C-alpha atoms as a PDB file:
ATOM      1  CA  MET A   1      -6.812   3.345  -8.474  1.00  0.00           C
ATOM      2  CA  LYS A   2      -9.005   5.748 -10.419  1.00  0.00           C
ATOM      3  CA  PHE A   3     -10.783   8.669  -8.826  1.00  0.00           C
ATOM      4  CA  ASP A   4     -13.918  10.228 -10.204  1.00  0.00           C
ATOM      5  CA  ALA A   5     -13.673  13.908 -11.190  1.00  0.00           C
ATOM      6  CA  ARG A   6     -16.441  14.723  -8.708  1.00  0.00           C
ATOM      7  CA  THR A   7     -14.458  13.097  -5.895  1.00  0.00           C
ATOM      8  CA  ILE A   8     -11.373  15.145  -6.744  1.00  0.00           C
ATOM      9  CA  GLU A   9     -13.438  18.330  -6.883  1.00  0.00           C
ATOM     10  CA  ALA A  10     -15.033  17.527  -3.521  1.00  0.00           C
ATOM     11  CA  VAL A  11     -11.628  16.982  -1.902  1.00  0.00           C
ATOM     12  CA  ASN A  12     -10.292  20.212  -3.418  1.00  0.00           C
ATOM     13  CA  ALA A  13     -13.356  22.139  -2.227  1.00  0.00           C
ATOM     14  CA  PHE A  14     -12.956  20.747   1.287  1.00  0.00           C
ATOM     15  CA  ILE A  15      -9.281  21.706   1.391  1.00  0.00           C
ATOM     16  CA  ARG A  16     -10.053  25.211   0.108  1.00  0.00           C
ATOM     17  CA  LEU A  17     -12.839  25.627   2.672  1.00  0.00           C
ATOM     18  CA  PHE A  18     -10.562  24.467   5.473  1.00  0.00           C
ATOM     19  CA  LEU A  19      -7.708  26.780   4.474  1.00  0.00           C
ATOM     20  CA  VAL A  20     -10.021  29.788   4.021  1.00  0.00           C
ATOM     21  CA  ARG A  21     -11.542  29.234   7.462  1.00  0.00           C
ATOM     22  CA  VAL A  22      -8.076  29.032   9.031  1.00  0.00           C
ATOM     23  CA  ASP A  23      -6.987  32.219   7.215  1.00  0.00           C
ATOM     24  CA  GLU A  24     -10.093  34.049   8.431  1.00  0.00           C
ATOM     25  CA  LEU A  25      -9.405  32.924  11.978  1.00  0.00           C
ATOM     26  CA  HIS A  26      -5.918  34.392  12.150  1.00  0.00           C
ATOM     27  CA  THR A  27      -3.342  35.067   9.444  1.00  0.00           C
ATOM     28  CA  GLY A  28      -0.439  33.885  11.595  1.00  0.00           C
ATOM     29  CA  LEU A  29      -2.283  30.664  12.328  1.00  0.00           C
ATOM     30  CA  PHE A  30      -2.523  30.092   8.587  1.00  0.00           C
ATOM     31  CA  PHE A  31       1.273  29.874   8.343  1.00  0.00           C
ATOM     32  CA  LEU A  32       1.344  27.490  11.294  1.00  0.00           C
ATOM     33  CA  VAL A  33      -1.363  25.202   9.947  1.00  0.00           C
ATOM     34  CA  ILE A  34      -0.013  24.878   6.390  1.00  0.00           C
ATOM     35  CA  PRO A  35       3.203  23.028   7.391  1.00  0.00           C
ATOM     36  CA  LEU A  36       1.224  20.847   9.784  1.00  0.00           C
ATOM     37  CA  PHE A  37      -1.289  20.105   7.042  1.00  0.00           C
ATOM     38  CA  ILE A  38       1.517  19.167   4.637  1.00  0.00           C
ATOM     39  CA  ILE A  39       3.131  16.953   7.288  1.00  0.00           C
ATOM     40  CA  VAL A  40      -0.151  15.156   7.993  1.00  0.00           C
ATOM     41  CA  VAL A  41      -0.908  14.637   4.295  1.00  0.00           C
ATOM     42  CA  GLY A  42       2.675  13.487   3.711  1.00  0.00           C
ATOM     43  CA  ALA A  43       2.473  11.083   6.632  1.00  0.00           C
ATOM     44  CA  ALA A  44      -0.783   9.669   5.284  1.00  0.00           C
ATOM     45  CA  ALA A  45       0.764   9.217   1.841  1.00  0.00           C
ATOM     46  CA  LEU A  46       3.811   7.558   3.392  1.00  0.00           C
ATOM     47  CA  ALA A  47       1.555   5.240   5.378  1.00  0.00           C
ATOM     48  CA  VAL A  48      -0.249   4.209   2.194  1.00  0.00           C
ATOM     49  CA  VAL A  49       3.097   3.491   0.501  1.00  0.00           C
ATOM     50  CA  VAL A  50       4.320   1.469   3.499  1.00  0.00           C
ATOM     51  CA  ILE A  51       1.104  -0.573   3.586  1.00  0.00           C
ATOM     52  CA  ALA A  52       1.337  -1.211  -0.161  1.00  0.00           C
ATOM     53  CA  ALA A  53       4.963  -2.339   0.236  1.00  0.00           C
ATOM     54  CA  ALA A  54       3.990  -4.646   3.105  1.00  0.00           C
ATOM     55  CA  VAL A  55       1.187  -6.197   1.051  1.00  0.00           C
ATOM     56  CA  PHE A  56       3.603  -6.639  -1.868  1.00  0.00           C
ATOM     57  CA  LEU A  57       6.185  -8.337   0.374  1.00  0.00           C
ATOM     58  CA  VAL A  58       3.599 -10.642   1.954  1.00  0.00           C
ATOM     59  CA  ALA A  59       2.281 -11.620  -1.478  1.00  0.00           C
ATOM     60  CA  GLY A  60       5.833 -12.316  -2.650  1.00  0.00           C
ATOM     61  CA  ALA A  61       6.570 -14.411   0.430  1.00  0.00           C
ATOM     62  CA  LEU A  62       3.384 -16.414  -0.088  1.00  0.00           C
ATOM     63  CA  GLY A  63       4.369 -16.977  -3.707  1.00  0.00           C
ATOM     64  CA  VAL A  64       7.780 -18.278  -2.647  1.00  0.00           C
ATOM     65  CA  VAL A  65       6.212 -20.570  -0.053  1.00  0.00           C
ATOM     66  CA  LEU A  66       3.731 -21.957  -2.581  1.00  0.00           C
ATOM     67  CA  MET A  67       6.468 -22.532  -5.164  1.00  0.00           C
ATOM     68  CA  ALA A  68       8.611 -24.285  -2.548  1.00  0.00           C
ATOM     69  CA  ARG A  69       5.679 -26.490  -1.569  1.00  0.00           C
ATOM     70  CA  ARG A  70       5.121 -27.415  -5.186  1.00  0.00           C
ATOM     71  CA  GLY A  71       8.805 -28.283  -5.592  1.00  0.00           C
ATOM     72  CA  ILE A  72       8.867 -30.335  -2.395  1.00  0.00           C
ATOM     73  CA  ASN A  73       5.724 -32.211  -3.418  1.00  0.00           C
ATOM     74  CA  ALA A  74       7.177 -32.900  -6.871  1.00  0.00           C
ATOM     75  CA  ALA A  75      10.419 -34.184  -5.324  1.00  0.00           C
ATOM     76  CA  ALA A  76       8.481 -36.374  -2.899  1.00  0.00           C
ATOM     77  CA  ALA A  77       6.376 -37.794  -5.726  1.00  0.00           C
ATOM     78  CA  HIS A  78       9.524 -38.470  -7.743  1.00  0.00           C
ATOM     79  CA  SER A  79      11.171 -40.226  -4.783  1.00  0.00           C
ATOM     80  CA  ALA A  80       8.114 -42.356  -4.077  1.00  0.00           C
ATOM     81  CA  ALA A  81       7.681 -43.412  -7.715  1.00  0.00           C
ATOM     82  CA  ALA A  82       8.367 -47.081  -8.408  1.00  0.00           C
ATOM     83  CA  ARG A  83      11.480 -47.620 -10.434  1.00  0.00           C
ATOM     84  CA  ALA A  84      12.166 -50.426 -12.837  1.00  0.00           C
ATOM     85  CA  VAL A  85      14.794 -52.822 -11.494  1.00  0.00           C
ATOM     86  CA  THR A  86      17.473 -53.784 -13.981  1.00  0.00           C
ATOM     87  CA  THR A  87      19.984 -56.570 -13.407  1.00  0.00           C
END
């Protein structure tokens, strides 16, 4: 996933603006908000990783199911094939 340089700059500017506003509000509040901000960002990143892992596992499971179906269909076709009778 590629991000445009302007998007990264916009996110950085928003974060800086947010942190400056909190620091202007109260210096002690700044030290309270920073850990909360890191926890929220970390939780969001963890959620993205968990969703990506779930999508990966679902795709893998679908691949296994499709391969099993193909094998079952091939075995059924082999069983139903007419065989030459030798005496």
